[in-house]
Amino acid sequence: MKIKAIITGATGMVGEGVLHESLLNPDVEKVLVINRKPCGVTNPKLTEIIHANFFDLSPISEKLKDYNACFFCLGVSSVGLKEDKYYSLTYTLTMQMAGILAKQNPDMIFCYVSGAGTDSTEKGRLNWARVKGKTENDLMKLPFKKVYAFRPGFMLPLKEAKNAKSYYSVFRIFYPAIHKLMPKFVSTLQEVAIAMINVVIKGYEKSVIEVKDVVELNKK
């Protein structure tokens, strides 16, 4: 199976890593990135659409056809955001984009980057976890071929990453020790990206992908 993937969030740390691995992987035939600003990457496989309003994809919807995978890496931190703003940027935006993609590509496998601690019951104490849980739950109701919710913990970015925060340089030093102490909560971003690609090609028995599942998918 050759992957034709749409990637969102390529100007962020996670999306940058997923794009990097997708362009290297021979099973990925072509990649479309949708960004508000250029990602600064050129590759024969890569097409980039610059689009300002992610809440309205109608002007570019015809360009989103004939893809069989989406690596949805677009997201914001809840820190400093009011609850309604976080809900809009996390749930509303994701569902609007996903709804169009499901309509245009019913055979698409949709991989959503969620987060460790997401609340599938939607009833927990933490607002961000409830919102992420609702997003996961409602994505899985859309008519995609399959939806996978990735819940990574701490991720070590690529050494050449342009979009990683400066404090990750410190994290990199201590990563081997942290990984040894908390193997269920940390992974490399490369491992997460490879897991996404492998889940599209080979499938997986679980819809919610934790760190331990990321490790397992890297063995495939």
N, C-alpha and C. Protein backbone atom coordinates (compact mmCIF):
# COMPACT_ATOMS: atom_id res chain seq x y z
N MET A 1 0.84 -1.20 0.00
CA MET A 1 0.00 0.00 0.00
C MET A 1 0.87 1.25 0.00
N LYS A 2 0.65 2.13 -0.95
CA LYS A 2 1.35 3.40 -0.99
C LYS A 2 0.50 4.47 -0.33
N ILE A 3 1.11 5.23 0.54
CA ILE A 3 0.40 6.25 1.30
C ILE A 3 0.41 7.58 0.56
N LYS A 4 -0.78 8.17 0.49
CA LYS A 4 -0.93 9.54 0.00
C LYS A 4 -1.51 10.31 1.18
N ALA A 5 -0.67 11.11 1.83
CA ALA A 5 -1.02 11.67 3.14
C ALA A 5 -1.20 13.17 3.12
N ILE A 6 -2.19 13.60 3.91
CA ILE A 6 -2.34 15.00 4.24
C ILE A 6 -1.78 15.19 5.66
N ILE A 7 -0.95 16.18 5.85
CA ILE A 7 -0.38 16.47 7.17
C ILE A 7 -0.74 17.88 7.57
N THR A 8 -1.28 18.03 8.76
CA THR A 8 -1.53 19.36 9.31
C THR A 8 -0.54 19.60 10.46
N GLY A 9 -0.26 20.86 10.70
CA GLY A 9 0.64 21.20 11.80
C GLY A 9 2.11 21.05 11.47
N ALA A 10 2.45 21.10 10.19
CA ALA A 10 3.85 20.87 9.79
C ALA A 10 4.79 21.98 10.21
N THR A 11 4.25 23.11 10.65
CA THR A 11 5.12 24.17 11.16
C THR A 11 5.26 24.10 12.68
N GLY A 12 4.73 23.05 13.29
CA GLY A 12 4.92 22.78 14.71
C GLY A 12 5.87 21.62 14.91
N MET A 13 6.27 21.36 16.13
CA MET A 13 7.27 20.33 16.41
C MET A 13 6.82 18.95 15.97
N VAL A 14 5.60 18.56 16.33
CA VAL A 14 5.14 17.21 16.01
C VAL A 14 4.94 17.05 14.51
N GLY A 15 4.25 18.00 13.91
CA GLY A 15 4.02 17.91 12.47
C GLY A 15 5.30 17.93 11.66
N GLU A 16 6.26 18.71 12.11
CA GLU A 16 7.56 18.75 11.43
C GLU A 16 8.22 17.37 11.44
N GLY A 17 8.17 16.71 12.59
CA GLY A 17 8.77 15.38 12.69
C GLY A 17 8.05 14.35 11.84
N VAL A 18 6.72 14.41 11.83
CA VAL A 18 5.94 13.47 11.02
C VAL A 18 6.18 13.71 9.54
N LEU A 19 6.27 14.97 9.15
CA LEU A 19 6.57 15.29 7.75
C LEU A 19 7.94 14.77 7.37
N HIS A 20 8.92 14.97 8.22
CA HIS A 20 10.29 14.52 7.94
C HIS A 20 10.31 13.01 7.67
N GLU A 21 9.69 12.24 8.55
CA GLU A 21 9.69 10.78 8.38
C GLU A 21 8.88 10.35 7.17
N SER A 22 7.80 11.05 6.88
CA SER A 22 6.97 10.71 5.73
C SER A 22 7.73 10.90 4.42
N LEU A 23 8.51 11.97 4.35
CA LEU A 23 9.27 12.22 3.13
C LEU A 23 10.41 11.22 2.95
N LEU A 24 10.90 10.67 4.06
CA LEU A 24 11.98 9.67 3.98
C LEU A 24 11.46 8.28 3.66
N ASN A 25 10.21 8.00 4.02
CA ASN A 25 9.68 6.64 3.94
C ASN A 25 9.27 6.29 2.51
N PRO A 26 9.79 5.20 1.94
CA PRO A 26 9.45 4.83 0.55
C PRO A 26 7.99 4.41 0.37
N ASP A 27 7.31 4.07 1.47
CA ASP A 27 5.89 3.69 1.37
C ASP A 27 4.97 4.90 1.29
N VAL A 28 5.51 6.08 1.51
CA VAL A 28 4.73 7.31 1.37
C VAL A 28 4.99 7.89 -0.02
N GLU A 29 3.95 7.89 -0.83
CA GLU A 29 4.08 8.28 -2.23
C GLU A 29 4.03 9.79 -2.43
N LYS A 30 3.09 10.43 -1.72
CA LYS A 30 3.00 11.89 -1.82
C LYS A 30 2.42 12.46 -0.53
N VAL A 31 2.75 13.72 -0.31
CA VAL A 31 2.34 14.40 0.92
C VAL A 31 1.80 15.78 0.57
N LEU A 32 0.66 16.10 1.16
CA LEU A 32 0.11 17.45 1.07
C LEU A 32 0.11 18.05 2.46
N VAL A 33 0.72 19.22 2.62
CA VAL A 33 0.66 19.93 3.90
C VAL A 33 -0.20 21.17 3.73
N ILE A 34 -1.01 21.44 4.76
CA ILE A 34 -1.85 22.63 4.77
C ILE A 34 -1.37 23.50 5.92
N ASN A 35 -0.86 24.67 5.60
CA ASN A 35 -0.27 25.54 6.61
C ASN A 35 -0.76 26.97 6.46
N ARG A 36 -0.64 27.73 7.54
CA ARG A 36 -0.91 29.16 7.48
C ARG A 36 0.31 29.91 6.96
N LYS A 37 1.48 29.32 7.13
CA LYS A 37 2.72 29.92 6.64
C LYS A 37 3.59 28.80 6.07
N PRO A 38 4.52 29.11 5.18
CA PRO A 38 5.35 28.07 4.56
C PRO A 38 6.14 27.28 5.59
N CYS A 39 6.26 25.99 5.36
CA CYS A 39 7.01 25.13 6.29
C CYS A 39 8.50 25.14 6.00
N GLY A 40 8.89 25.66 4.84
CA GLY A 40 10.30 25.77 4.52
C GLY A 40 10.95 24.49 4.04
N VAL A 41 10.12 23.52 3.62
CA VAL A 41 10.64 22.24 3.15
C VAL A 41 10.29 22.08 1.67
N THR A 42 11.24 21.60 0.90
CA THR A 42 10.98 21.27 -0.50
C THR A 42 11.35 19.82 -0.73
N ASN A 43 10.52 19.12 -1.51
CA ASN A 43 10.75 17.71 -1.80
C ASN A 43 9.85 17.32 -2.97
N PRO A 44 10.31 16.45 -3.85
CA PRO A 44 9.47 16.04 -4.98
C PRO A 44 8.13 15.44 -4.57
N LYS A 45 8.06 14.84 -3.38
CA LYS A 45 6.81 14.24 -2.91
C LYS A 45 5.83 15.28 -2.38
N LEU A 46 6.34 16.47 -2.06
CA LEU A 46 5.60 17.41 -1.23
C LEU A 46 4.88 18.50 -2.02
N THR A 47 3.60 18.69 -1.65
CA THR A 47 2.81 19.83 -2.12
C THR A 47 2.36 20.60 -0.88
N GLU A 48 2.41 21.92 -0.96
CA GLU A 48 2.02 22.75 0.17
C GLU A 48 0.93 23.71 -0.24
N ILE A 49 -0.11 23.78 0.61
CA ILE A 49 -1.16 24.77 0.43
C ILE A 49 -1.09 25.76 1.59
N ILE A 50 -0.99 27.02 1.28
CA ILE A 50 -1.03 28.06 2.31
C ILE A 50 -2.47 28.55 2.40
N HIS A 51 -3.06 28.37 3.57
CA HIS A 51 -4.47 28.71 3.76
C HIS A 51 -4.65 29.32 5.14
N ALA A 52 -5.19 30.51 5.19
CA ALA A 52 -5.24 31.26 6.45
C ALA A 52 -6.32 30.77 7.41
N ASN A 53 -7.50 30.43 6.89
CA ASN A 53 -8.65 30.12 7.75
C ASN A 53 -8.93 28.63 7.79
N PHE A 54 -8.46 27.97 8.83
CA PHE A 54 -8.66 26.53 8.96
C PHE A 54 -10.10 26.18 9.35
N PHE A 55 -10.89 27.18 9.72
CA PHE A 55 -12.29 26.94 10.02
C PHE A 55 -13.14 26.89 8.76
N ASP A 56 -12.57 27.29 7.64
CA ASP A 56 -13.28 27.26 6.36
C ASP A 56 -12.34 26.74 5.28
N LEU A 57 -12.49 25.46 4.96
CA LEU A 57 -11.64 24.85 3.94
C LEU A 57 -12.33 24.79 2.58
N SER A 58 -13.52 25.37 2.46
CA SER A 58 -14.26 25.28 1.21
C SER A 58 -13.47 25.79 0.00
N PRO A 59 -12.64 26.85 0.13
CA PRO A 59 -11.90 27.30 -1.05
C PRO A 59 -10.88 26.27 -1.57
N ILE A 60 -10.45 25.37 -0.71
CA ILE A 60 -9.43 24.40 -1.14
C ILE A 60 -9.94 22.96 -1.09
N SER A 61 -11.22 22.75 -0.85
CA SER A 61 -11.74 21.41 -0.61
C SER A 61 -11.49 20.45 -1.78
N GLU A 62 -11.56 20.95 -3.01
CA GLU A 62 -11.34 20.09 -4.18
C GLU A 62 -9.91 19.57 -4.25
N LYS A 63 -8.98 20.29 -3.61
CA LYS A 63 -7.58 19.87 -3.62
C LYS A 63 -7.28 18.80 -2.57
N LEU A 64 -8.29 18.46 -1.77
CA LEU A 64 -8.09 17.51 -0.67
C LEU A 64 -8.56 16.10 -1.03
N LYS A 65 -8.93 15.88 -2.27
CA LYS A 65 -9.42 14.58 -2.70
C LYS A 65 -8.27 13.63 -3.03
N ASP A 66 -8.59 12.33 -3.00
CA ASP A 66 -7.67 11.27 -3.44
C ASP A 66 -6.48 11.09 -2.52
N TYR A 67 -6.71 11.23 -1.22
CA TYR A 67 -5.70 10.92 -0.21
C TYR A 67 -6.24 9.80 0.68
N ASN A 68 -5.34 8.91 1.11
CA ASN A 68 -5.79 7.77 1.92
C ASN A 68 -5.32 7.82 3.37
N ALA A 69 -4.67 8.91 3.75
CA ALA A 69 -4.22 9.05 5.14
C ALA A 69 -4.19 10.53 5.52
N CYS A 70 -4.44 10.77 6.78
CA CYS A 70 -4.24 12.11 7.34
C CYS A 70 -3.51 11.98 8.66
N PHE A 71 -2.42 12.70 8.79
CA PHE A 71 -1.68 12.79 10.05
C PHE A 71 -1.98 14.17 10.63
N PHE A 72 -2.94 14.19 11.53
CA PHE A 72 -3.45 15.45 12.05
C PHE A 72 -2.63 15.86 13.28
N CYS A 73 -1.67 16.74 13.07
CA CYS A 73 -0.73 17.14 14.13
C CYS A 73 -0.96 18.57 14.57
N LEU A 74 -2.06 19.15 14.15
CA LEU A 74 -2.36 20.54 14.49
C LEU A 74 -2.97 20.60 15.89
N GLY A 75 -2.44 21.47 16.72
CA GLY A 75 -2.98 21.58 18.07
C GLY A 75 -2.37 22.73 18.84
N VAL A 76 -3.01 23.08 19.94
CA VAL A 76 -2.51 24.17 20.79
C VAL A 76 -2.48 23.70 22.23
N SER A 77 -1.65 24.36 23.02
CA SER A 77 -1.63 24.11 24.46
C SER A 77 -2.80 24.85 25.10
N SER A 78 -3.33 24.28 26.16
CA SER A 78 -4.42 24.93 26.89
C SER A 78 -3.91 26.02 27.83
N VAL A 79 -2.60 26.06 28.04
CA VAL A 79 -2.02 27.03 28.98
C VAL A 79 -2.28 28.45 28.50
N GLY A 80 -2.92 29.24 29.34
CA GLY A 80 -3.16 30.64 29.02
C GLY A 80 -4.37 30.91 28.15
N LEU A 81 -5.09 29.85 27.74
CA LEU A 81 -6.27 30.02 26.91
C LEU A 81 -7.54 29.87 27.74
N LYS A 82 -8.53 30.69 27.43
CA LYS A 82 -9.84 30.51 28.04
C LYS A 82 -10.46 29.23 27.51
N GLU A 83 -11.35 28.64 28.29
CA GLU A 83 -11.91 27.34 27.95
C GLU A 83 -12.62 27.36 26.59
N ASP A 84 -13.36 28.42 26.31
CA ASP A 84 -14.09 28.46 25.04
C ASP A 84 -13.14 28.58 23.85
N LYS A 85 -12.04 29.29 24.03
CA LYS A 85 -11.05 29.43 22.96
C LYS A 85 -10.35 28.10 22.72
N TYR A 86 -9.98 27.41 23.79
CA TYR A 86 -9.33 26.10 23.64
C TYR A 86 -10.28 25.12 22.96
N TYR A 87 -11.54 25.14 23.33
CA TYR A 87 -12.54 24.25 22.73
C TYR A 87 -12.64 24.53 21.22
N SER A 88 -12.67 25.80 20.86
CA SER A 88 -12.79 26.17 19.46
C SER A 88 -11.59 25.70 18.64
N LEU A 89 -10.38 25.93 19.18
CA LEU A 89 -9.16 25.59 18.44
C LEU A 89 -8.84 24.10 18.46
N THR A 90 -9.40 23.39 19.43
CA THR A 90 -9.12 21.95 19.54
C THR A 90 -10.25 21.12 18.96
N TYR A 91 -11.45 21.29 19.47
CA TYR A 91 -12.57 20.46 19.02
C TYR A 91 -13.20 20.97 17.72
N THR A 92 -13.63 22.23 17.72
CA THR A 92 -14.38 22.75 16.57
C THR A 92 -13.55 22.72 15.30
N LEU A 93 -12.33 23.21 15.37
CA LEU A 93 -11.47 23.25 14.19
C LEU A 93 -11.18 21.84 13.67
N THR A 94 -10.83 20.94 14.57
CA THR A 94 -10.50 19.57 14.17
C THR A 94 -11.69 18.89 13.51
N MET A 95 -12.88 19.02 14.10
CA MET A 95 -14.05 18.35 13.56
C MET A 95 -14.47 18.93 12.22
N GLN A 96 -14.31 20.23 12.04
CA GLN A 96 -14.66 20.82 10.75
C GLN A 96 -13.74 20.31 9.65
N MET A 97 -12.44 20.29 9.93
CA MET A 97 -11.49 19.78 8.94
C MET A 97 -11.72 18.31 8.67
N ALA A 98 -11.90 17.53 9.73
CA ALA A 98 -12.09 16.10 9.58
C ALA A 98 -13.37 15.77 8.84
N GLY A 99 -14.41 16.55 9.07
CA GLY A 99 -15.67 16.32 8.36
C GLY A 99 -15.52 16.45 6.86
N ILE A 100 -14.79 17.46 6.43
CA ILE A 100 -14.55 17.64 5.00
C ILE A 100 -13.69 16.52 4.44
N LEU A 101 -12.65 16.15 5.18
CA LEU A 101 -11.76 15.07 4.70
C LEU A 101 -12.49 13.75 4.61
N ALA A 102 -13.39 13.47 5.55
CA ALA A 102 -14.15 12.21 5.51
C ALA A 102 -15.08 12.18 4.31
N LYS A 103 -15.67 13.32 4.00
CA LYS A 103 -16.56 13.41 2.84
C LYS A 103 -15.79 13.23 1.53
N GLN A 104 -14.62 13.83 1.46
CA GLN A 104 -13.82 13.78 0.24
C GLN A 104 -13.09 12.45 0.07
N ASN A 105 -12.76 11.79 1.20
CA ASN A 105 -11.91 10.59 1.16
C ASN A 105 -12.44 9.52 2.11
N PRO A 106 -13.51 8.83 1.75
CA PRO A 106 -14.09 7.83 2.67
C PRO A 106 -13.17 6.65 2.97
N ASP A 107 -12.15 6.44 2.16
CA ASP A 107 -11.19 5.36 2.42
C ASP A 107 -9.98 5.84 3.22
N MET A 108 -10.07 7.03 3.77
CA MET A 108 -8.94 7.61 4.50
C MET A 108 -8.79 7.02 5.90
N ILE A 109 -7.55 6.82 6.32
CA ILE A 109 -7.22 6.48 7.70
C ILE A 109 -6.74 7.77 8.37
N PHE A 110 -7.40 8.13 9.44
CA PHE A 110 -7.18 9.42 10.10
C PHE A 110 -6.44 9.20 11.41
N CYS A 111 -5.24 9.76 11.52
CA CYS A 111 -4.43 9.65 12.74
C CYS A 111 -4.41 11.00 13.44
N TYR A 112 -4.99 11.02 14.62
CA TYR A 112 -5.13 12.27 15.38
C TYR A 112 -4.16 12.29 16.55
N VAL A 113 -3.33 13.32 16.62
CA VAL A 113 -2.41 13.45 17.74
C VAL A 113 -3.16 14.09 18.90
N SER A 114 -3.43 13.29 19.92
CA SER A 114 -4.17 13.72 21.09
C SER A 114 -3.17 14.00 22.20
N GLY A 115 -3.18 13.25 23.27
CA GLY A 115 -2.20 13.46 24.32
C GLY A 115 -2.40 12.50 25.47
N ALA A 116 -1.32 12.16 26.15
CA ALA A 116 -1.41 11.29 27.32
C ALA A 116 -2.28 11.97 28.37
N GLY A 117 -3.17 11.20 28.98
CA GLY A 117 -4.06 11.76 29.99
C GLY A 117 -5.40 12.20 29.45
N THR A 118 -5.63 12.03 28.16
CA THR A 118 -6.92 12.39 27.57
C THR A 118 -8.04 11.62 28.24
N ASP A 119 -9.16 12.29 28.45
CA ASP A 119 -10.29 11.75 29.20
C ASP A 119 -11.40 11.28 28.25
N SER A 120 -11.45 9.99 28.00
CA SER A 120 -12.46 9.44 27.08
C SER A 120 -13.87 9.54 27.63
N THR A 121 -14.01 9.67 28.96
CA THR A 121 -15.35 9.78 29.54
C THR A 121 -15.95 11.17 29.35
N GLU A 122 -15.08 12.15 29.08
CA GLU A 122 -15.48 13.56 28.92
C GLU A 122 -16.05 14.16 30.21
N LYS A 123 -15.78 13.53 31.34
CA LYS A 123 -16.37 13.96 32.61
C LYS A 123 -15.34 14.30 33.68
N GLY A 124 -14.08 14.23 33.34
CA GLY A 124 -13.03 14.43 34.34
C GLY A 124 -12.87 15.88 34.77
N ARG A 125 -11.92 16.09 35.65
CA ARG A 125 -11.69 17.41 36.25
C ARG A 125 -11.02 18.38 35.31
N LEU A 126 -10.13 17.89 34.44
CA LEU A 126 -9.32 18.76 33.60
C LEU A 126 -10.04 19.08 32.28
N ASN A 127 -10.20 20.36 32.02
CA ASN A 127 -10.92 20.77 30.81
C ASN A 127 -10.24 20.27 29.54
N TRP A 128 -8.91 20.44 29.45
CA TRP A 128 -8.22 20.04 28.23
C TRP A 128 -8.40 18.56 27.95
N ALA A 129 -8.39 17.75 29.00
CA ALA A 129 -8.52 16.30 28.84
C ALA A 129 -9.93 15.93 28.39
N ARG A 130 -10.94 16.65 28.89
CA ARG A 130 -12.32 16.42 28.47
C ARG A 130 -12.50 16.79 26.99
N VAL A 131 -11.93 17.93 26.60
CA VAL A 131 -12.07 18.39 25.22
C VAL A 131 -11.37 17.43 24.26
N LYS A 132 -10.17 17.00 24.63
CA LYS A 132 -9.46 16.03 23.80
C LYS A 132 -10.24 14.72 23.71
N GLY A 133 -10.82 14.30 24.83
CA GLY A 133 -11.61 13.08 24.83
C GLY A 133 -12.82 13.18 23.92
N LYS A 134 -13.52 14.30 23.97
CA LYS A 134 -14.67 14.51 23.09
C LYS A 134 -14.24 14.52 21.63
N THR A 135 -13.10 15.15 21.37
CA THR A 135 -12.59 15.18 19.99
C THR A 135 -12.30 13.78 19.49
N GLU A 136 -11.60 12.99 20.29
CA GLU A 136 -11.34 11.60 19.91
C GLU A 136 -12.64 10.85 19.65
N ASN A 137 -13.56 10.93 20.60
CA ASN A 137 -14.81 10.18 20.50
C ASN A 137 -15.60 10.54 19.25
N ASP A 138 -15.68 11.82 18.95
CA ASP A 138 -16.48 12.25 17.81
C ASP A 138 -15.77 12.01 16.48
N LEU A 139 -14.46 12.05 16.48
CA LEU A 139 -13.73 11.67 15.26
C LEU A 139 -14.02 10.23 14.88
N MET A 140 -14.13 9.38 15.88
CA MET A 140 -14.35 7.96 15.60
C MET A 140 -15.76 7.66 15.11
N LYS A 141 -16.64 8.67 15.16
CA LYS A 141 -17.99 8.52 14.62
C LYS A 141 -18.07 8.92 13.15
N LEU A 142 -17.04 9.58 12.65
CA LEU A 142 -17.04 10.02 11.26
C LEU A 142 -16.79 8.84 10.32
N PRO A 143 -17.26 8.95 9.07
CA PRO A 143 -17.18 7.82 8.13
C PRO A 143 -15.82 7.65 7.47
N PHE A 144 -14.75 7.65 8.27
CA PHE A 144 -13.44 7.30 7.77
C PHE A 144 -13.32 5.77 7.71
N LYS A 145 -12.33 5.29 6.98
CA LYS A 145 -12.03 3.86 7.00
C LYS A 145 -11.63 3.43 8.40
N LYS A 146 -10.83 4.28 9.07
CA LYS A 146 -10.39 4.01 10.43
C LYS A 146 -9.85 5.30 11.04
N VAL A 147 -10.06 5.44 12.35
CA VAL A 147 -9.49 6.57 13.10
C VAL A 147 -8.62 6.02 14.22
N TYR A 148 -7.43 6.56 14.35
CA TYR A 148 -6.53 6.21 15.45
C TYR A 148 -6.21 7.48 16.23
N ALA A 149 -6.36 7.41 17.53
CA ALA A 149 -6.03 8.53 18.41
C ALA A 149 -4.69 8.24 19.07
N PHE A 150 -3.70 9.03 18.75
CA PHE A 150 -2.35 8.86 19.31
C PHE A 150 -2.23 9.68 20.58
N ARG A 151 -1.81 9.03 21.66
CA ARG A 151 -1.65 9.70 22.95
C ARG A 151 -0.20 9.63 23.42
N PRO A 152 0.68 10.36 22.75
CA PRO A 152 2.08 10.35 23.18
C PRO A 152 2.26 11.11 24.48
N GLY A 153 3.31 10.77 25.20
CA GLY A 153 3.68 11.52 26.39
C GLY A 153 4.72 12.56 25.99
N PHE A 154 5.85 12.55 26.69
CA PHE A 154 6.95 13.43 26.31
C PHE A 154 7.63 12.86 25.08
N MET A 155 7.85 13.70 24.09
CA MET A 155 8.48 13.26 22.84
C MET A 155 9.80 13.98 22.64
N LEU A 156 10.83 13.24 22.32
CA LEU A 156 12.13 13.83 22.00
C LEU A 156 12.15 14.18 20.52
N PRO A 157 12.26 15.46 20.17
CA PRO A 157 12.23 15.84 18.76
C PRO A 157 13.52 15.45 18.04
N LEU A 158 13.47 15.56 16.72
CA LEU A 158 14.65 15.32 15.92
C LEU A 158 15.74 16.33 16.26
N LYS A 159 16.98 15.93 16.13
CA LYS A 159 18.08 16.84 16.42
C LYS A 159 18.04 18.07 15.52
N GLU A 160 17.60 17.86 14.27
CA GLU A 160 17.59 18.97 13.32
C GLU A 160 16.28 19.75 13.33
N ALA A 161 15.42 19.49 14.31
CA ALA A 161 14.12 20.14 14.36
C ALA A 161 14.25 21.66 14.45
N LYS A 162 13.46 22.36 13.64
CA LYS A 162 13.46 23.81 13.65
C LYS A 162 12.37 24.37 14.57
N ASN A 163 11.38 23.55 14.87
CA ASN A 163 10.21 24.05 15.58
C ASN A 163 10.08 23.54 17.01
N ALA A 164 11.17 23.01 17.55
CA ALA A 164 11.16 22.56 18.94
C ALA A 164 11.59 23.69 19.86
N LYS A 165 10.99 23.74 21.04
CA LYS A 165 11.35 24.75 22.03
C LYS A 165 12.79 24.51 22.51
N SER A 166 13.42 25.56 22.97
CA SER A 166 14.83 25.47 23.37
C SER A 166 15.06 24.52 24.54
N TYR A 167 14.05 24.38 25.41
CA TYR A 167 14.25 23.51 26.58
C TYR A 167 14.38 22.03 26.20
N TYR A 168 14.05 21.67 24.97
CA TYR A 168 14.21 20.28 24.56
C TYR A 168 15.68 19.89 24.48
N SER A 169 16.57 20.88 24.36
CA SER A 169 18.00 20.56 24.34
C SER A 169 18.43 19.98 25.68
N VAL A 170 17.80 20.46 26.75
CA VAL A 170 18.07 19.91 28.08
C VAL A 170 17.42 18.53 28.21
N PHE A 171 16.20 18.43 27.72
CA PHE A 171 15.48 17.16 27.74
C PHE A 171 16.28 16.07 27.02
N ARG A 172 16.94 16.47 25.93
CA ARG A 172 17.72 15.50 25.15
C ARG A 172 18.85 14.89 25.99
N ILE A 173 19.48 15.71 26.82
CA ILE A 173 20.58 15.24 27.65
C ILE A 173 20.11 14.16 28.63
N PHE A 174 18.94 14.39 29.20
CA PHE A 174 18.43 13.50 30.23
C PHE A 174 17.49 12.41 29.69
N TYR A 175 17.28 12.42 28.38
CA TYR A 175 16.32 11.48 27.80
C TYR A 175 16.62 10.02 28.12
N PRO A 176 17.86 9.54 27.98
CA PRO A 176 18.12 8.12 28.29
C PRO A 176 17.71 7.74 29.71
N ALA A 177 17.99 8.61 30.67
CA ALA A 177 17.63 8.32 32.06
C ALA A 177 16.12 8.37 32.26
N ILE A 178 15.48 9.37 31.65
CA ILE A 178 14.03 9.49 31.78
C ILE A 178 13.34 8.30 31.13
N HIS A 179 13.84 7.89 29.99
CA HIS A 179 13.25 6.73 29.29
C HIS A 179 13.38 5.47 30.12
N LYS A 180 14.52 5.33 30.77
CA LYS A 180 14.73 4.14 31.61
C LYS A 180 13.79 4.14 32.82
N LEU A 181 13.55 5.32 33.39
CA LEU A 181 12.71 5.43 34.58
C LEU A 181 11.22 5.36 34.23
N MET A 182 10.85 5.95 33.09
CA MET A 182 9.43 6.05 32.71
C MET A 182 9.20 5.64 31.27
N PRO A 183 9.48 4.39 30.93
CA PRO A 183 9.38 3.97 29.53
C PRO A 183 7.97 4.04 28.94
N LYS A 184 6.95 4.06 29.81
CA LYS A 184 5.58 4.11 29.32
C LYS A 184 5.11 5.54 29.02
N PHE A 185 5.95 6.52 29.31
CA PHE A 185 5.52 7.91 29.18
C PHE A 185 6.40 8.74 28.25
N VAL A 186 7.47 8.17 27.74
CA VAL A 186 8.35 8.94 26.85
C VAL A 186 8.70 8.13 25.61
N SER A 187 8.91 8.85 24.52
CA SER A 187 9.34 8.22 23.27
C SER A 187 10.00 9.31 22.44
N THR A 188 10.57 8.91 21.33
CA THR A 188 11.08 9.90 20.39
C THR A 188 9.96 10.27 19.42
N LEU A 189 10.05 11.46 18.88
CA LEU A 189 9.08 11.87 17.87
C LEU A 189 9.22 11.01 16.62
N GLN A 190 10.41 10.57 16.34
CA GLN A 190 10.62 9.67 15.20
C GLN A 190 9.82 8.39 15.39
N GLU A 191 9.80 7.84 16.60
CA GLU A 191 9.02 6.63 16.86
C GLU A 191 7.53 6.86 16.65
N VAL A 192 7.05 8.02 17.08
CA VAL A 192 5.63 8.34 16.90
C VAL A 192 5.30 8.44 15.42
N ALA A 193 6.16 9.09 14.65
CA ALA A 193 5.93 9.25 13.22
C ALA A 193 5.93 7.91 12.49
N ILE A 194 6.89 7.06 12.84
CA ILE A 194 6.96 5.74 12.22
C ILE A 194 5.73 4.92 12.58
N ALA A 195 5.27 5.04 13.82
CA ALA A 195 4.06 4.33 14.24
C ALA A 195 2.85 4.78 13.43
N MET A 196 2.74 6.06 13.15
CA MET A 196 1.64 6.57 12.33
C MET A 196 1.67 5.96 10.93
N ILE A 197 2.83 5.95 10.34
CA ILE A 197 2.96 5.39 8.99
C ILE A 197 2.63 3.90 9.01
N ASN A 198 3.14 3.17 9.99
CA ASN A 198 2.90 1.73 10.05
C ASN A 198 1.45 1.38 10.34
N VAL A 199 0.76 2.22 11.12
CA VAL A 199 -0.63 1.91 11.42
C VAL A 199 -1.50 2.08 10.17
N VAL A 200 -1.10 2.97 9.27
CA VAL A 200 -1.83 3.13 8.02
C VAL A 200 -1.59 1.93 7.11
N ILE A 201 -0.37 1.46 7.06
CA ILE A 201 -0.02 0.36 6.16
C ILE A 201 -0.53 -0.99 6.67
N LYS A 202 -0.36 -1.23 7.97
CA LYS A 202 -0.59 -2.57 8.51
C LYS A 202 -1.75 -2.67 9.48
N GLY A 203 -2.29 -1.52 9.89
CA GLY A 203 -3.39 -1.56 10.85
C GLY A 203 -2.91 -1.86 12.26
N TYR A 204 -3.85 -1.81 13.20
CA TYR A 204 -3.54 -2.11 14.60
C TYR A 204 -4.83 -2.44 15.30
N GLU A 205 -4.74 -3.32 16.31
CA GLU A 205 -5.95 -3.80 16.97
C GLU A 205 -6.60 -2.77 17.88
N LYS A 206 -5.87 -1.72 18.26
CA LYS A 206 -6.42 -0.70 19.14
C LYS A 206 -6.64 0.61 18.38
N SER A 207 -7.66 1.34 18.78
CA SER A 207 -7.92 2.64 18.18
C SER A 207 -7.20 3.76 18.93
N VAL A 208 -6.96 3.55 20.22
CA VAL A 208 -6.23 4.53 21.03
C VAL A 208 -4.80 4.03 21.19
N ILE A 209 -3.86 4.83 20.73
CA ILE A 209 -2.45 4.42 20.68
C ILE A 209 -1.67 5.11 21.79
N GLU A 210 -1.29 4.33 22.80
CA GLU A 210 -0.47 4.85 23.90
C GLU A 210 1.01 4.66 23.55
N VAL A 211 1.90 5.11 24.44
CA VAL A 211 3.34 5.01 24.17
C VAL A 211 3.76 3.56 23.96
N LYS A 212 3.22 2.65 24.77
CA LYS A 212 3.59 1.23 24.61
C LYS A 212 3.18 0.71 23.24
N ASP A 213 2.08 1.24 22.68
CA ASP A 213 1.65 0.82 21.36
C ASP A 213 2.54 1.43 20.27
N VAL A 214 3.02 2.64 20.53
CA VAL A 214 3.98 3.26 19.61
C VAL A 214 5.22 2.39 19.48
N VAL A 215 5.70 1.91 20.60
CA VAL A 215 6.87 1.02 20.61
C VAL A 215 6.57 -0.24 19.82
N GLU A 216 5.40 -0.82 20.04
CA GLU A 216 5.01 -2.06 19.33
C GLU A 216 4.90 -1.82 17.84
N LEU A 217 4.35 -0.70 17.45
CA LEU A 217 4.19 -0.40 16.02
C LEU A 217 5.53 -0.15 15.34
N ASN A 218 6.55 0.21 16.09
CA ASN A 218 7.88 0.38 15.52
C ASN A 218 8.55 -0.95 15.23
N LYS A 219 7.99 -2.04 15.75
CA LYS A 219 8.54 -3.37 15.49
C LYS A 219 8.00 -3.97 14.20
N LYS A 220 6.93 -3.37 13.67
CA LYS A 220 6.26 -3.95 12.50
C LYS A 220 7.05 -3.70 11.23
